[in-house]
Amino acid sequence: MSRPVSRTRGTREVVVALSPENVLRWVYLARVVLVLGVLSGALVVWREALPEQTYLATIMLIGALVVTGASAWWTEVLGRPPGRALLVYQVAFDALLVSGVVHITGGGESTFAWLYILVISEGALLLPLAGGVFMSLLAAILYFAVIFWGHTQPLSGAVLLQLGLFALVGVATGMLVDRLRKTGAALGEARSELRRLRLDTGEILATISTGVLTVDEDGHLIYMNRAAESFLGLKREDWEGRPVLGELARISPELAQDVRLTLEGAESRVRLRAEAERDGEDLVLGVSLFLRDEPDEPRAVTAIFQDITDLERADAMNRRTERLEAVAELSAAMAHEIKNPLASIRSAVEQFTSPSLADDDREILKRMVVRESDRLSRLLTDFLDYSRVGLERVEPLDLTQVARECLTLMEQHPESHARQVLYLLEVPEDGLEVPADADLLHRALFNLLLNATQFSPQGGEVLFAVEDFRGRSLPAGVELQGAVRIRVRDQGPGIPPEDVNRIFDPFYTTRPGGTGLGLAVVHRTAQAHQGAVLVERPARGGTEFQLFLPIPPLSAS
């Protein structure tokens, strides 16, 4: 199917066709044809024609040939641009020439009066708007003179109608041509700006270090800059206009596949990763693909890519370094936590050997050894729980049932009895199913309840709530398609602002005798489930922990 010519292109062609040089060429031709026709007519009726008519026709022919020849020599042979004086001279001469034709052929009764319209149009094309209007006035004056002074004919309605028509044609033609000239000037400026923009864009694309590759919907190469040639080992001149996806698949199968998927899916895609091979060297490319799908234009995909091989290597090294630093920090913290009870046990054992040790002191030392041994055992147990955090078996769990089991276990804990805590449970009665690891989730929820109990005042309340959070606005930093929220709120002293950012760190605790691993296990459990855990300070005091776990979003009805 042929593509329609755009309005801009059509306007440009009209403006070029109406340039003074092109109009003058048609004027030269029409002028010579006109005088030759008049002279031929006079010769045919030579015997019947008046001597004045024959003489005037001959003068008109000679004048037309001289004027046309001189003008054509100036514009066509010498190649000089026609100036304003030359254009005025041409139009004025043609007005006199037409007046002569009308005079010879009968004045007001002449059938050639319509030639004035051509002269008026010529003036509008060659001169500005004011000049075109002036030529309309000149044509009317000459026509009036031919009728009244040349033939002494009375003023009739037909003559008045012709004079009005001359004026209307002059004004209308002048306004139309003036608008075309302005449109042409604006179009010329736009074309110049576009040409400059294309040159600037071409230079930028040729010199940037980012690869740019464009292919059409059939996989033919449209454009490729120098950086893309370097990355892919291809030459633009060898592949331009040819199917390139097959060769691209050999160099980078992922990039070729991404281009095909973008064309088929009809949508742009960004921040992709593709591997490529160049001269036996493996590269990693960061790719963004942009689809051009406009009406009356062939679909095309532009791939913009950079070499991120060194960046990925640096990221891998940074991650490895961070892991090693985390292991070193954790080991140092673990050694510190173990060192204190070991020192107490050693001191107690050394004092046992003293013969002067009283029985009461000996009993105190025994209890201290047992207490510090229990502390070591509890520390190692918590550390093992922390180190084993990882998803082993994910299955659909009824979160309501898990919450009730954790609360039942917590109610039997010695801390609960010692503080006489009242637990408030808020869960969906019909259950709420989530995909999770049962052991990890149970351990995390129990740690949250134990932490709330340990910081609760005597006879305080602990809220344990489970709710479906799908379709609701999530807190900043939590990015889940669908989520459930688990809240555990106590009435304790709250967490000081300076400690909020550290409470999930391993071995960090503000409670005497605590290991600092309970909340760390909760945090790692949330991360393992691709969820999040937040801490809030309620307006009425205490602390509230919020655990968000992913759940499939509600299906659209």
Protein backbone atom coordinates (compact mmCIF):
# COMPACT_ATOMS: atom_id res chain seq x y z
CA MET A 1 0.00 0.00 0.00
CA SER A 2 1.44 3.37 -0.97
CA ARG A 3 2.13 5.82 1.80
CA PRO A 4 0.23 9.14 1.73
CA VAL A 5 2.23 12.28 1.01
CA SER A 6 2.49 14.34 4.16
CA ARG A 7 1.13 17.87 4.28
CA THR A 8 4.60 19.22 4.98
CA ARG A 9 6.07 17.56 1.93
CA GLY A 10 3.19 18.73 -0.30
CA THR A 11 3.55 22.32 0.92
CA ARG A 12 7.25 22.27 0.24
CA GLU A 13 6.72 21.05 -3.34
CA VAL A 14 4.17 23.81 -3.99
CA VAL A 15 6.47 26.49 -2.57
CA VAL A 16 9.39 25.28 -4.70
CA ALA A 17 7.17 25.27 -7.80
CA LEU A 18 6.13 28.89 -7.09
CA SER A 19 9.68 30.21 -6.82
CA PRO A 20 10.33 33.34 -9.00
CA GLU A 21 12.71 31.44 -11.30
CA ASN A 22 10.14 28.72 -12.08
CA VAL A 23 7.28 31.20 -12.52
CA LEU A 24 9.38 33.31 -14.91
CA ARG A 25 10.08 30.31 -17.12
CA TRP A 26 6.32 29.76 -17.59
CA VAL A 27 5.84 33.51 -18.13
CA TYR A 28 8.44 33.52 -20.90
CA LEU A 29 6.74 30.61 -22.65
CA ALA A 30 3.21 31.96 -22.27
CA ARG A 31 4.25 35.42 -23.45
CA VAL A 32 5.85 34.17 -26.65
CA VAL A 33 2.92 31.83 -27.39
CA LEU A 34 0.48 34.71 -26.86
CA VAL A 35 2.15 37.19 -29.24
CA LEU A 36 2.73 34.50 -31.84
CA GLY A 37 -0.94 33.58 -31.65
CA VAL A 38 -2.01 37.21 -32.02
CA LEU A 39 0.32 37.76 -34.94
CA SER A 40 -0.83 34.53 -36.60
CA GLY A 41 -4.43 35.64 -36.23
CA ALA A 42 -3.61 39.01 -37.74
CA LEU A 43 -1.88 37.39 -40.70
CA VAL A 44 -4.84 35.08 -41.33
CA VAL A 45 -7.15 38.06 -41.59
CA TRP A 46 -4.42 40.34 -42.96
CA ARG A 47 -6.56 41.78 -45.73
CA GLU A 48 -9.49 42.41 -43.44
CA ALA A 49 -7.42 43.67 -40.48
CA LEU A 50 -6.87 47.36 -40.06
CA PRO A 51 -3.31 48.62 -40.58
CA GLU A 52 -3.31 49.85 -36.97
CA GLN A 53 -4.07 46.32 -35.71
CA THR A 54 -1.36 44.72 -37.87
CA TYR A 55 1.16 47.36 -36.83
CA LEU A 56 0.35 46.96 -33.14
CA ALA A 57 0.60 43.15 -33.34
CA THR A 58 4.02 43.42 -34.94
CA ILE A 59 5.22 45.89 -32.27
CA MET A 60 3.91 43.55 -29.57
CA LEU A 61 5.80 40.59 -31.05
CA ILE A 62 9.07 42.50 -31.31
CA GLY A 63 8.71 43.90 -27.79
CA ALA A 64 7.85 40.49 -26.33
CA LEU A 65 10.84 38.87 -28.01
CA VAL A 66 13.22 41.60 -26.83
CA VAL A 67 11.93 41.68 -23.25
CA THR A 68 11.78 37.88 -22.98
CA GLY A 69 15.19 37.41 -24.53
CA ALA A 70 16.85 39.95 -22.25
CA SER A 71 15.22 38.53 -19.15
CA ALA A 72 16.01 34.94 -20.10
CA TRP A 73 19.66 35.90 -20.74
CA TRP A 74 19.87 37.43 -17.26
CA THR A 75 18.17 34.62 -15.34
CA GLU A 76 18.89 31.49 -17.39
CA VAL A 77 22.20 32.09 -19.17
CA LEU A 78 23.96 34.25 -16.60
CA GLY A 79 22.19 32.50 -13.72
CA ARG A 80 21.49 35.75 -11.89
CA PRO A 81 18.60 35.82 -9.41
CA PRO A 82 15.71 38.01 -10.53
CA GLY A 83 15.57 41.24 -8.55
CA ARG A 84 12.49 43.20 -7.49
CA ALA A 85 12.86 45.68 -10.38
CA LEU A 86 13.06 42.92 -12.95
CA LEU A 87 9.94 41.23 -11.59
CA VAL A 88 7.95 44.48 -11.58
CA TYR A 89 9.12 45.17 -15.09
CA GLN A 90 7.97 41.72 -16.26
CA VAL A 91 4.49 42.03 -14.76
CA ALA A 92 3.98 45.60 -16.00
CA PHE A 93 5.03 44.64 -19.52
CA ASP A 94 2.62 41.71 -19.55
CA ALA A 95 -0.20 44.00 -18.37
CA LEU A 96 0.51 46.33 -21.32
CA LEU A 97 0.79 43.33 -23.64
CA VAL A 98 -2.63 41.98 -22.60
CA SER A 99 -4.11 45.46 -22.94
CA GLY A 100 -2.83 45.53 -26.51
CA VAL A 101 -4.40 42.15 -27.24
CA VAL A 102 -7.75 43.29 -25.78
CA HIS A 103 -7.55 46.53 -27.81
CA ILE A 104 -6.91 44.68 -31.07
CA THR A 105 -9.69 42.15 -30.47
CA GLY A 106 -12.51 44.56 -29.70
CA GLY A 107 -11.97 46.29 -26.37
CA GLY A 108 -14.95 45.73 -24.07
CA GLU A 109 -16.32 43.10 -26.45
CA SER A 110 -13.02 41.20 -26.59
CA THR A 111 -13.05 37.54 -25.60
CA PHE A 112 -9.49 37.88 -24.28
CA ALA A 113 -10.25 40.07 -21.27
CA TRP A 114 -9.72 37.02 -19.06
CA LEU A 115 -5.99 37.31 -19.77
CA TYR A 116 -5.92 40.11 -17.18
CA ILE A 117 -6.58 37.42 -14.57
CA LEU A 118 -3.40 35.63 -15.63
CA VAL A 119 -1.44 38.88 -15.33
CA ILE A 120 -2.91 39.53 -11.88
CA SER A 121 -1.97 35.97 -10.83
CA GLU A 122 1.52 36.55 -12.23
CA GLY A 123 1.86 39.68 -10.08
CA ALA A 124 0.69 37.83 -7.00
CA LEU A 125 3.22 35.05 -7.63
CA LEU A 126 6.21 37.28 -8.37
CA LEU A 127 5.56 40.23 -6.04
CA PRO A 128 4.61 40.65 -2.35
CA LEU A 129 1.01 40.97 -1.30
CA ALA A 130 1.00 44.76 -1.82
CA GLY A 131 2.50 44.32 -5.28
CA GLY A 132 -0.18 41.82 -6.25
CA VAL A 133 -2.93 44.23 -5.17
CA PHE A 134 -1.22 47.02 -7.10
CA MET A 135 -1.17 44.89 -10.26
CA SER A 136 -4.91 44.27 -9.83
CA LEU A 137 -5.45 48.04 -9.75
CA LEU A 138 -3.17 48.54 -12.77
CA ALA A 139 -5.02 45.87 -14.76
CA ALA A 140 -8.36 47.53 -13.95
CA ILE A 141 -7.04 50.95 -15.01
CA LEU A 142 -5.64 49.63 -18.29
CA TYR A 143 -8.82 47.75 -19.06
CA PHE A 144 -10.87 50.85 -18.28
CA ALA A 145 -8.59 52.93 -20.56
CA VAL A 146 -8.88 50.44 -23.43
CA ILE A 147 -12.68 50.52 -23.25
CA PHE A 148 -13.30 54.27 -22.88
CA TRP A 149 -10.35 55.86 -24.60
CA GLY A 150 -9.53 53.17 -27.13
CA HIS A 151 -13.07 52.24 -28.18
CA THR A 152 -15.32 54.86 -26.49
CA GLN A 153 -17.68 52.15 -25.33
CA PRO A 154 -20.31 52.79 -22.64
CA LEU A 155 -19.87 51.49 -19.09
CA SER A 156 -21.92 48.29 -18.85
CA GLY A 157 -22.72 45.84 -16.07
CA ALA A 158 -20.47 43.23 -17.68
CA VAL A 159 -17.52 45.61 -17.59
CA LEU A 160 -18.15 46.47 -13.95
CA LEU A 161 -18.41 42.77 -13.15
CA GLN A 162 -15.05 42.12 -14.84
CA LEU A 163 -13.40 44.99 -12.93
CA GLY A 164 -14.74 43.59 -9.64
CA LEU A 165 -13.53 40.14 -10.62
CA PHE A 166 -10.05 41.53 -11.30
CA ALA A 167 -9.92 43.06 -7.82
CA LEU A 168 -11.21 39.89 -6.13
CA VAL A 169 -8.74 37.66 -7.97
CA GLY A 170 -5.87 40.00 -7.12
CA VAL A 171 -6.62 40.09 -3.41
CA ALA A 172 -7.37 36.36 -3.11
CA THR A 173 -4.36 35.26 -5.14
CA GLY A 174 -2.08 37.67 -3.30
CA MET A 175 -3.21 36.43 0.12
CA LEU A 176 -2.85 32.78 -0.91
CA VAL A 177 0.62 33.21 -2.35
CA ASP A 178 1.72 35.33 0.63
CA ARG A 179 0.63 32.56 2.99
CA LEU A 180 2.45 29.97 0.90
CA ARG A 181 5.60 32.09 1.01
CA LYS A 182 5.43 32.37 4.81
CA THR A 183 4.79 28.64 5.09
CA GLY A 184 7.72 27.95 2.82
CA ALA A 185 10.00 30.20 4.86
CA ALA A 186 8.95 28.51 8.10
CA LEU A 187 9.36 25.12 6.48
CA GLY A 188 12.81 26.07 5.25
CA GLU A 189 13.85 27.06 8.76
CA ALA A 190 12.42 23.83 10.16
CA ARG A 191 14.26 21.78 7.53
CA SER A 192 17.50 23.59 8.30
CA GLU A 193 17.01 22.99 12.01
CA LEU A 194 16.15 19.35 11.40
CA ARG A 195 19.21 18.92 9.18
CA ARG A 196 21.42 20.47 11.87
CA LEU A 197 19.78 18.30 14.53
CA ARG A 198 20.38 15.18 12.45
CA LEU A 199 24.02 16.11 12.01
CA ASP A 200 24.43 16.77 15.74
CA THR A 201 22.60 13.54 16.64
CA GLY A 202 24.67 11.56 14.17
CA GLU A 203 27.90 12.93 15.60
CA ILE A 204 26.77 12.21 19.17
CA LEU A 205 25.70 8.65 18.38
CA ALA A 206 28.95 8.05 16.51
CA THR A 207 31.16 9.18 19.40
CA ILE A 208 29.35 7.96 22.55
CA SER A 209 30.53 4.80 24.28
CA THR A 210 27.00 3.38 24.47
CA GLY A 211 25.99 0.93 21.76
CA VAL A 212 22.90 1.78 19.70
CA LEU A 213 21.31 -0.80 17.41
CA THR A 214 18.02 -0.46 15.50
CA VAL A 215 16.26 -3.25 13.59
CA ASP A 216 12.90 -3.28 11.85
CA GLU A 217 10.06 -5.75 12.37
CA ASP A 218 11.60 -8.14 9.83
CA GLY A 219 14.93 -8.19 11.65
CA HIS A 220 16.77 -6.02 9.11
CA LEU A 221 19.46 -3.68 10.42
CA ILE A 222 18.49 -0.01 10.17
CA TYR A 223 21.25 1.64 12.20
CA MET A 224 24.28 0.74 14.29
CA ASN A 225 26.81 3.17 15.77
CA ARG A 226 30.54 2.65 16.25
CA ALA A 227 30.22 1.53 19.87
CA ALA A 228 27.75 -1.19 18.86
CA GLU A 229 30.13 -2.29 16.11
CA SER A 230 32.91 -2.58 18.70
CA PHE A 231 30.78 -4.51 21.22
CA LEU A 232 29.33 -6.95 18.69
CA GLY A 233 32.22 -7.22 16.24
CA LEU A 234 29.98 -6.30 13.28
CA LYS A 235 30.32 -3.69 10.54
CA ARG A 236 27.38 -1.44 9.79
CA GLU A 237 28.12 -1.25 6.05
CA ASP A 238 28.15 -5.05 5.84
CA TRP A 239 24.77 -5.56 7.51
CA GLU A 240 22.70 -2.43 6.89
CA GLY A 241 19.43 -3.40 5.22
CA ARG A 242 20.09 -7.13 5.75
CA PRO A 243 18.62 -9.60 8.29
CA VAL A 244 20.90 -9.32 11.33
CA LEU A 245 19.08 -11.18 14.13
CA GLY A 246 20.62 -14.52 13.17
CA GLU A 247 24.15 -13.15 13.45
CA LEU A 248 23.18 -11.29 16.60
CA ALA A 249 21.92 -14.55 18.12
CA ARG A 250 25.34 -16.11 17.49
CA ILE A 251 27.09 -13.26 19.33
CA SER A 252 24.51 -12.66 22.08
CA PRO A 253 21.55 -15.06 22.16
CA GLU A 254 19.97 -13.15 25.06
CA LEU A 255 20.11 -9.81 23.25
CA ALA A 256 18.61 -11.29 20.08
CA GLN A 257 15.87 -12.95 22.13
CA ASP A 258 15.12 -9.68 23.94
CA VAL A 259 14.76 -7.87 20.60
CA ARG A 260 12.34 -10.53 19.31
CA LEU A 261 10.28 -10.45 22.50
CA THR A 262 10.06 -6.66 22.35
CA LEU A 263 8.79 -6.82 18.77
CA GLU A 264 6.29 -9.55 19.60
CA GLY A 265 5.18 -8.03 22.89
CA ALA A 266 4.84 -4.52 21.39
CA GLU A 267 6.27 -2.79 24.48
CA SER A 268 9.57 -1.25 25.50
CA ARG A 269 11.70 -2.96 28.16
CA VAL A 270 14.52 -1.54 30.25
CA ARG A 271 17.28 -2.70 32.59
CA LEU A 272 17.88 -6.07 31.01
CA ARG A 273 21.03 -8.14 31.18
CA ALA A 274 22.56 -9.99 28.25
CA GLU A 275 25.79 -11.90 27.80
CA ALA A 276 27.82 -11.64 24.60
CA GLU A 277 31.02 -13.07 23.16
CA ARG A 278 33.51 -10.93 21.24
CA ASP A 279 36.76 -12.39 19.94
CA GLY A 280 36.62 -15.14 22.54
CA GLU A 281 36.01 -12.68 25.37
CA ASP A 282 32.84 -12.88 27.47
CA LEU A 283 30.97 -9.61 27.93
CA VAL A 284 28.00 -8.65 30.08
CA LEU A 285 25.74 -5.99 28.56
CA GLY A 286 23.19 -3.81 30.30
CA VAL A 287 20.37 -3.44 27.78
CA SER A 288 17.31 -1.23 27.34
CA LEU A 289 14.97 -1.73 24.39
CA PHE A 290 12.59 0.88 23.01
CA LEU A 291 9.81 0.04 20.56
CA ARG A 292 8.84 2.49 17.80
CA ASP A 293 5.31 1.69 16.68
CA GLU A 294 3.74 4.68 14.92
CA PRO A 295 0.93 4.83 12.35
CA ASP A 296 2.09 4.63 8.73
CA GLU A 297 5.61 3.78 9.94
CA PRO A 298 7.25 0.33 10.04
CA ARG A 299 7.70 -1.08 13.54
CA ALA A 300 11.29 -1.01 14.78
CA VAL A 301 13.22 -1.70 17.99
CA THR A 302 16.20 0.29 19.21
CA ALA A 303 18.55 -1.49 21.62
CA ILE A 304 20.78 0.69 23.80
CA PHE A 305 23.45 -1.23 25.65
CA GLN A 306 26.66 -0.76 27.63
CA ASP A 307 29.50 -3.02 28.69
CA ILE A 308 28.90 -3.67 32.40
CA THR A 309 31.36 -6.56 32.69
CA ASP A 310 33.76 -4.68 34.98
CA LEU A 311 30.84 -3.30 36.99
CA GLU A 312 29.43 -6.78 37.62
CA ARG A 313 32.86 -8.06 38.63
CA ALA A 314 33.23 -5.16 41.05
CA ASP A 315 29.76 -5.83 42.46
CA ALA A 316 30.59 -9.50 42.95
CA MET A 317 33.81 -8.58 44.76
CA ASN A 318 31.95 -6.07 46.93
CA ARG A 319 29.33 -8.65 47.85
CA ARG A 320 32.05 -11.16 48.69
CA THR A 321 33.83 -8.56 50.80
CA GLU A 322 30.60 -7.66 52.59
CA ARG A 323 29.94 -11.32 53.34
CA LEU A 324 33.44 -11.76 54.74
CA GLU A 325 33.08 -8.62 56.82
CA ALA A 326 29.72 -9.84 58.12
CA VAL A 327 31.22 -13.21 59.04
CA ALA A 328 34.15 -11.50 60.79
CA GLU A 329 31.82 -9.15 62.68
CA LEU A 330 29.53 -12.02 63.67
CA SER A 331 32.48 -14.14 64.77
CA ALA A 332 33.86 -11.29 66.86
CA ALA A 333 30.45 -10.75 68.48
CA MET A 334 30.08 -14.48 69.13
CA ALA A 335 33.53 -14.68 70.68
CA HIS A 336 32.75 -11.71 72.88
CA GLU A 337 29.47 -13.25 74.08
CA ILE A 338 31.17 -16.58 74.85
CA LYS A 339 34.19 -14.99 76.52
CA ASN A 340 32.28 -13.45 79.43
CA PRO A 341 30.56 -16.63 80.75
CA LEU A 342 33.74 -18.66 80.17
CA ALA A 343 35.71 -16.16 82.23
CA SER A 344 33.14 -16.41 85.03
CA ILE A 345 33.24 -20.23 84.95
CA ARG A 346 37.05 -20.26 84.99
CA SER A 347 37.19 -17.90 87.93
CA ALA A 348 34.70 -20.01 89.86
CA VAL A 349 36.63 -23.23 89.16
CA GLU A 350 39.89 -21.63 90.27
CA GLN A 351 38.31 -20.57 93.56
CA PHE A 352 37.05 -24.10 94.23
CA THR A 353 40.65 -25.20 94.89
CA SER A 354 41.10 -22.72 97.73
CA PRO A 355 41.06 -24.61 101.11
CA SER A 356 39.80 -21.52 102.90
CA LEU A 357 36.61 -21.28 100.76
CA ALA A 358 33.50 -21.29 102.93
CA ASP A 359 30.61 -23.63 102.20
CA ASP A 360 28.23 -20.75 101.49
CA ASP A 361 30.67 -19.26 98.98
CA ARG A 362 31.19 -22.65 97.43
CA GLU A 363 27.41 -22.96 96.90
CA ILE A 364 27.29 -19.52 95.32
CA LEU A 365 30.09 -20.46 92.94
CA LYS A 366 28.26 -23.67 91.98
CA ARG A 367 25.11 -21.76 91.13
CA MET A 368 27.14 -19.25 89.11
CA VAL A 369 28.77 -22.05 87.12
CA VAL A 370 25.37 -23.58 86.39
CA ARG A 371 23.92 -20.17 85.46
CA GLU A 372 26.76 -19.27 83.12
CA SER A 373 26.69 -22.75 81.58
CA ASP A 374 22.96 -22.33 80.90
CA ARG A 375 23.70 -18.96 79.39
CA LEU A 376 26.30 -20.51 77.10
CA SER A 377 23.90 -23.28 76.13
CA ARG A 378 21.13 -20.76 75.40
CA LEU A 379 23.52 -18.59 73.39
CA LEU A 380 24.68 -21.51 71.28
CA THR A 381 21.10 -22.71 70.74
CA ASP A 382 19.99 -19.25 69.59
CA PHE A 383 23.04 -18.92 67.36
CA LEU A 384 22.32 -22.27 65.75
CA ASP A 385 18.72 -21.15 65.14
CA TYR A 386 20.02 -17.93 63.58
CA SER A 387 22.55 -19.69 61.37
CA ARG A 388 19.98 -22.25 60.15
CA VAL A 389 17.50 -19.64 58.93
CA GLY A 390 16.67 -20.61 55.36
CA LEU A 391 13.70 -21.83 53.40
CA GLU A 392 13.67 -25.62 53.33
CA ARG A 393 10.05 -26.44 52.52
CA VAL A 394 7.52 -23.82 51.48
CA GLU A 395 3.90 -24.93 51.62
CA PRO A 396 0.48 -23.30 52.07
CA LEU A 397 -0.04 -22.56 55.78
CA ASP A 398 -3.11 -21.40 57.64
CA LEU A 399 -1.70 -18.33 59.33
CA THR A 400 -4.60 -18.20 61.78
CA GLN A 401 -3.79 -21.71 63.01
CA VAL A 402 -0.05 -20.98 63.27
CA ALA A 403 -0.77 -17.83 65.31
CA ARG A 404 -3.00 -19.75 67.74
CA GLU A 405 -0.35 -22.47 68.22
CA CYS A 406 2.36 -19.88 68.94
CA LEU A 407 0.13 -18.08 71.45
CA THR A 408 -0.77 -21.36 73.23
CA LEU A 409 2.94 -22.16 73.57
CA MET A 410 3.70 -18.64 74.81
CA GLU A 411 1.00 -18.83 77.47
CA GLN A 412 2.84 -21.84 78.99
CA HIS A 413 6.20 -20.03 79.07
CA PRO A 414 7.66 -19.11 82.50
CA GLU A 415 8.04 -15.45 81.45
CA SER A 416 4.29 -15.28 80.78
CA HIS A 417 3.42 -16.67 84.21
CA ALA A 418 5.96 -14.49 85.97
CA ARG A 419 4.60 -11.25 84.46
CA GLN A 420 0.93 -12.35 84.29
CA VAL A 421 0.63 -10.96 80.75
CA LEU A 422 -2.80 -10.79 79.06
CA TYR A 423 -2.73 -11.73 75.36
CA LEU A 424 -5.23 -10.30 72.86
CA LEU A 425 -5.55 -12.37 69.68
CA GLU A 426 -7.06 -10.87 66.51
CA VAL A 427 -7.11 -13.28 63.55
CA PRO A 428 -9.46 -13.96 60.60
CA GLU A 429 -12.00 -16.54 61.76
CA ASP A 430 -12.17 -18.22 58.34
CA GLY A 431 -8.39 -18.58 58.14
CA LEU A 432 -5.73 -16.92 55.96
CA GLU A 433 -3.48 -19.10 53.84
CA VAL A 434 0.08 -18.01 52.98
CA PRO A 435 3.02 -19.83 51.33
CA ALA A 436 5.73 -20.18 53.98
CA ASP A 437 8.18 -22.45 55.78
CA ALA A 438 6.29 -23.68 58.86
CA ASP A 439 9.32 -24.07 61.17
CA LEU A 440 10.83 -20.66 60.32
CA LEU A 441 7.55 -18.82 60.59
CA HIS A 442 6.64 -20.50 63.89
CA ARG A 443 10.05 -19.64 65.37
CA ALA A 444 9.83 -15.99 64.21
CA LEU A 445 6.35 -15.45 65.61
CA PHE A 446 7.28 -17.06 68.91
CA ASN A 447 10.36 -14.80 69.19
CA LEU A 448 8.18 -11.72 68.60
CA LEU A 449 5.77 -12.84 71.33
CA LEU A 450 8.62 -13.68 73.72
CA ASN A 451 10.27 -10.30 73.10
CA ALA A 452 6.97 -8.48 73.76
CA THR A 453 6.39 -10.51 76.93
CA GLN A 454 9.88 -9.87 78.30
CA PHE A 455 9.47 -6.09 77.91
CA SER A 456 5.89 -5.95 79.19
CA PRO A 457 5.13 -4.53 82.63
CA GLN A 458 3.53 -6.66 85.30
CA GLY A 459 -0.04 -7.46 84.22
CA GLY A 460 0.44 -5.77 80.85
CA GLU A 461 -1.30 -6.60 77.57
CA VAL A 462 0.23 -7.94 74.35
CA LEU A 463 -1.69 -7.63 71.08
CA PHE A 464 -1.15 -10.40 68.53
CA ALA A 465 -3.00 -9.59 65.26
CA VAL A 466 -3.08 -11.17 61.79
CA GLU A 467 -4.80 -9.38 58.90
CA ASP A 468 -5.12 -9.59 55.14
CA PHE A 469 -3.38 -6.49 53.76
CA ARG A 470 -4.11 -7.01 50.06
CA GLY A 471 -5.47 -3.94 48.29
CA ARG A 472 -4.16 -1.59 50.98
CA SER A 473 -1.32 0.90 50.89
CA LEU A 474 1.95 -0.58 52.15
CA PRO A 475 4.54 1.37 54.18
CA ALA A 476 7.45 2.99 52.37
CA GLY A 477 10.14 0.47 51.49
CA VAL A 478 7.78 -2.53 51.39
CA GLU A 479 7.24 -3.56 47.77
CA LEU A 480 4.86 -6.52 47.56
CA GLN A 481 2.05 -7.24 45.13
CA GLY A 482 -0.01 -8.71 47.94
CA ALA A 483 0.76 -9.01 51.64
CA VAL A 484 -0.46 -10.14 55.03
CA ARG A 485 0.47 -8.14 58.11
CA ILE A 486 1.28 -9.65 61.52
CA ARG A 487 1.39 -7.18 64.43
CA VAL A 488 2.79 -7.76 67.91
CA ARG A 489 2.36 -4.78 70.25
CA ASP A 490 3.37 -4.49 73.90
CA GLN A 491 2.99 -1.86 76.61
CA GLY A 492 6.65 -1.75 77.55
CA PRO A 493 9.00 1.24 77.77
CA GLY A 494 9.48 1.38 74.00
CA ILE A 495 12.69 1.40 71.99
CA PRO A 496 14.91 4.49 72.22
CA PRO A 497 15.27 6.23 68.82
CA GLU A 498 19.04 5.72 68.82
CA ASP A 499 18.54 1.93 69.09
CA VAL A 500 15.92 1.48 66.36
CA ASN A 501 18.44 0.95 63.58
CA ARG A 502 20.36 -1.71 65.56
CA ILE A 503 17.69 -3.92 67.15
CA PHE A 504 17.85 -6.48 64.30
CA ASP A 505 21.65 -6.77 64.44
CA PRO A 506 22.94 -10.11 65.80
CA PHE A 507 23.98 -10.05 69.50
CA TYR A 508 22.56 -6.54 70.03
CA THR A 509 20.28 -6.46 73.08
CA THR A 510 19.17 -3.99 75.71
CA ARG A 511 17.78 -6.65 78.06
CA PRO A 512 20.05 -8.11 80.73
CA GLY A 513 20.67 -11.78 80.04
CA GLY A 514 19.46 -11.56 76.45
CA THR A 515 21.45 -13.06 73.57
CA GLY A 516 20.44 -10.46 70.98
CA LEU A 517 19.52 -13.15 68.43
CA GLY A 518 15.73 -13.36 68.76
CA LEU A 519 14.91 -10.31 66.61
CA ALA A 520 17.81 -11.15 64.28
CA VAL A 521 16.07 -14.48 63.57
CA VAL A 522 12.82 -12.60 62.86
CA HIS A 523 14.61 -10.30 60.42
CA ARG A 524 16.30 -13.16 58.57
CA THR A 525 13.00 -15.05 58.42
CA ALA A 526 11.30 -12.04 56.80
CA GLN A 527 14.12 -11.75 54.26
CA ALA A 528 13.99 -15.48 53.49
CA HIS A 529 10.27 -15.16 52.67
CA GLN A 530 10.86 -12.01 50.53
CA GLY A 531 8.96 -10.01 53.15
CA ALA A 532 9.83 -7.23 55.58
CA VAL A 533 9.74 -6.49 59.31
CA LEU A 534 9.27 -2.98 60.69
CA VAL A 535 9.23 -1.50 64.19
CA GLU A 536 6.86 1.29 65.19
CA ARG A 537 6.41 3.44 68.30
CA PRO A 538 2.64 3.67 68.97
CA ALA A 539 1.31 7.02 70.14
CA ARG A 540 0.07 5.50 73.40
CA GLY A 541 3.47 3.98 74.22
CA GLY A 542 5.10 0.59 73.95
CA THR A 543 6.51 -1.04 70.83
CA GLU A 544 4.83 -2.59 67.81
CA PHE A 545 6.53 -4.98 65.38
CA GLN A 546 4.95 -5.46 61.95
CA LEU A 547 5.87 -8.51 59.89
CA PHE A 548 4.79 -8.38 56.21
CA LEU A 549 4.73 -11.64 54.25
CA PRO A 550 3.95 -11.97 50.51
CA ILE A 551 0.67 -13.53 49.42
CA PRO A 552 -0.78 -13.87 45.90
CA PRO A 553 -2.78 -10.69 45.12
CA LEU A 554 -6.55 -10.84 44.85
CA SER A 555 -7.72 -11.78 41.37
CA ALA A 556 -9.57 -9.01 39.50
CA SER A 557 -13.31 -9.61 39.36
